[in-house]
Amino acid sequence: MRASKIFTAAVAVTMTLALSACAAIKEQQAEREVKKQEFTHRVDFAHIWVTTETPAPGKPYTVLGPVDYTEPFTPDAIDEAKIKDHLKKAAFEKWPDTVDAVVKENQEVSADGSQVKVTGEAIQYESSVDRNALHKMNEGMVASPNGN
């Protein structure tokens, strides 16, 4: 009888430990997935470039749509780094899985000098090799624009 109680207790302890281990493994897998998604988000955002130029000739692309914003005129409103960051964020919110660049960036100050309107055009290149390669970095592969 006593051996039966000890055996039952040992089985209960073993099952409890096994269930705890399963829960810990599932939690680790969930954490890894969250980190992978965060990495993908950062890579996709960093991948977007902004330029005043038109798209490079000979590289086919699709226009996703206009990106623009207006804000009061301040020294920050005309800071090029902040403008690029603002356009990237706006384009990424609209087309998180497809935007590669914002081209034709333009700034216009209102006639009374009180506001700045910034515009651009979001595009996706037909071949997003760079974006796909960057995603694979998290899988241990090296990203190379040449596909090497």
Protein backbone atom coordinates (compact mmCIF):
# COMPACT_ATOMS: atom_id res chain seq x y z
CA MET A 1 0.00 0.00 0.00
CA ARG A 2 2.77 2.37 0.95
CA ALA A 3 4.68 1.57 -2.26
CA SER A 4 1.52 2.32 -4.23
CA LYS A 5 1.22 5.78 -2.61
CA ILE A 6 4.88 6.52 -3.30
CA PHE A 7 4.49 5.38 -6.90
CA THR A 8 1.35 7.51 -7.32
CA ALA A 9 3.13 10.54 -5.84
CA ALA A 10 6.15 9.99 -8.10
CA VAL A 11 3.90 9.77 -11.16
CA ALA A 12 2.08 12.94 -10.11
CA VAL A 13 5.37 14.82 -9.62
CA THR A 14 6.69 13.56 -12.97
CA MET A 15 3.52 14.63 -14.77
CA THR A 16 3.62 18.04 -13.11
CA LEU A 17 7.23 18.54 -14.19
CA ALA A 18 6.44 17.38 -17.72
CA LEU A 19 3.50 19.79 -18.00
CA SER A 20 5.64 22.63 -16.66
CA ALA A 21 8.33 21.84 -19.23
CA CYS A 22 5.75 21.83 -22.04
CA ALA A 23 4.41 25.19 -20.90
CA ALA A 24 7.94 26.61 -20.75
CA ILE A 25 8.72 25.33 -24.24
CA LYS A 26 5.51 26.84 -25.62
CA GLU A 27 6.32 30.15 -23.93
CA GLN A 28 9.83 30.13 -25.44
CA GLN A 29 8.39 29.39 -28.89
CA ALA A 30 5.91 32.26 -28.50
CA GLU A 31 8.73 34.61 -27.43
CA ARG A 32 10.81 33.57 -30.45
CA GLU A 33 7.87 34.23 -32.77
CA VAL A 34 7.33 37.69 -31.26
CA LYS A 35 11.04 38.48 -31.69
CA LYS A 36 10.91 37.25 -35.28
CA GLN A 37 7.93 39.50 -36.02
CA GLU A 38 9.67 42.49 -34.38
CA PHE A 39 12.79 41.80 -36.44
CA THR A 40 10.76 41.59 -39.65
CA HIS A 41 9.01 44.87 -38.80
CA ARG A 42 12.33 46.65 -38.14
CA VAL A 43 13.88 45.26 -41.32
CA ASP A 44 10.88 46.21 -43.44
CA PHE A 45 10.88 49.74 -42.03
CA ALA A 46 14.65 50.20 -42.40
CA HIS A 47 14.44 48.87 -45.97
CA ILE A 48 12.27 51.81 -47.14
CA TRP A 49 14.24 54.64 -48.67
CA VAL A 50 13.08 58.17 -49.41
CA THR A 51 14.33 60.35 -52.24
CA THR A 52 13.46 63.52 -54.12
CA GLU A 53 14.36 61.69 -57.32
CA THR A 54 12.20 59.53 -59.57
CA PRO A 55 12.63 55.74 -59.49
CA ALA A 56 15.80 54.39 -61.06
CA PRO A 57 15.37 53.78 -64.80
CA GLY A 58 15.28 50.16 -65.89
CA LYS A 59 14.00 48.84 -62.56
CA PRO A 60 10.28 48.04 -62.95
CA TYR A 61 7.99 49.19 -60.16
CA THR A 62 4.37 49.70 -59.22
CA VAL A 63 3.02 52.93 -57.76
CA LEU A 64 1.25 52.15 -54.49
CA GLY A 65 -0.09 55.66 -53.96
CA PRO A 66 0.55 59.13 -52.62
CA VAL A 67 1.97 59.84 -49.18
CA ASP A 68 1.62 63.30 -47.69
CA TYR A 69 1.26 65.25 -44.51
CA THR A 70 0.95 68.88 -43.45
CA GLU A 71 2.25 70.43 -40.25
CA PRO A 72 2.94 73.87 -38.82
CA PHE A 73 6.15 75.47 -40.00
CA THR A 74 8.99 75.01 -37.50
CA PRO A 75 12.69 74.26 -37.86
CA ASP A 76 11.84 70.57 -37.21
CA ALA A 77 9.22 70.63 -39.97
CA ILE A 78 11.94 71.22 -42.57
CA ASP A 79 14.55 68.90 -41.05
CA GLU A 80 15.34 66.41 -43.83
CA ALA A 81 15.89 63.43 -41.50
CA LYS A 82 12.55 64.02 -39.78
CA ILE A 83 10.78 64.46 -43.10
CA LYS A 84 12.16 61.15 -44.38
CA ASP A 85 11.21 59.38 -41.16
CA HIS A 86 7.69 60.83 -41.28
CA LEU A 87 7.20 59.74 -44.91
CA LYS A 88 8.56 56.26 -44.18
CA LYS A 89 6.16 55.86 -41.24
CA ALA A 90 3.19 57.06 -43.29
CA ALA A 91 4.01 54.72 -46.19
CA PHE A 92 4.69 51.79 -43.86
CA GLU A 93 1.33 52.26 -42.14
CA LYS A 94 -0.49 52.06 -45.49
CA TRP A 95 1.60 49.36 -47.22
CA PRO A 96 3.59 47.46 -44.54
CA ASP A 97 4.23 44.39 -46.68
CA THR A 98 4.91 46.03 -50.02
CA VAL A 99 6.46 49.51 -49.86
CA ASP A 100 10.07 49.70 -50.99
CA ALA A 101 10.56 53.45 -51.43
CA VAL A 102 9.00 56.88 -51.31
CA VAL A 103 10.07 58.82 -54.38
CA LYS A 104 9.47 62.37 -55.63
CA GLU A 105 9.59 63.76 -52.08
CA ASN A 106 8.64 67.43 -52.20
CA GLN A 107 8.14 70.19 -49.64
CA GLU A 108 5.94 73.23 -50.06
CA VAL A 109 5.57 76.09 -47.60
CA SER A 110 2.16 77.75 -47.56
CA ALA A 111 1.89 81.29 -48.96
CA ASP A 112 1.64 82.74 -45.47
CA GLY A 113 4.59 80.65 -44.23
CA SER A 114 2.61 78.98 -41.49
CA GLN A 115 2.53 75.40 -42.78
CA VAL A 116 4.67 72.89 -44.62
CA LYS A 117 3.12 70.27 -46.87
CA VAL A 118 5.30 67.27 -47.68
CA THR A 119 4.36 64.87 -50.47
CA GLY A 120 5.80 61.76 -52.02
CA GLU A 121 4.87 58.67 -53.97
CA ALA A 122 5.13 55.20 -52.45
CA ILE A 123 6.35 52.47 -54.80
CA GLN A 124 7.07 48.77 -54.81
CA TYR A 125 9.71 47.32 -57.07
CA GLU A 126 8.60 44.29 -59.08
CA SER A 127 11.54 42.37 -57.70
CA SER A 128 11.91 42.97 -53.98
CA VAL A 129 15.01 40.79 -53.71
CA ASP A 130 16.50 42.99 -51.00
CA ARG A 131 13.40 42.78 -48.78
CA ASN A 132 13.17 39.00 -49.17
CA ALA A 133 16.88 38.58 -48.44
CA LEU A 134 16.62 40.73 -45.33
CA HIS A 135 13.79 38.56 -44.02
CA LYS A 136 15.98 35.48 -44.40
CA MET A 137 18.74 37.05 -42.27
CA ASN A 138 16.75 35.96 -39.24
CA GLU A 139 16.94 32.38 -40.52
CA GLY A 140 20.72 32.42 -40.55
CA MET A 141 21.11 33.38 -44.19
CA VAL A 142 23.17 36.34 -45.31
CA ALA A 143 21.39 39.14 -47.13
CA SER A 144 23.07 40.26 -50.32
CA PRO A 145 21.61 42.51 -52.98
CA ASN A 146 23.33 40.33 -55.57
CA GLY A 147 21.68 37.15 -54.28
CA ASN A 148 25.09 35.66 -53.35
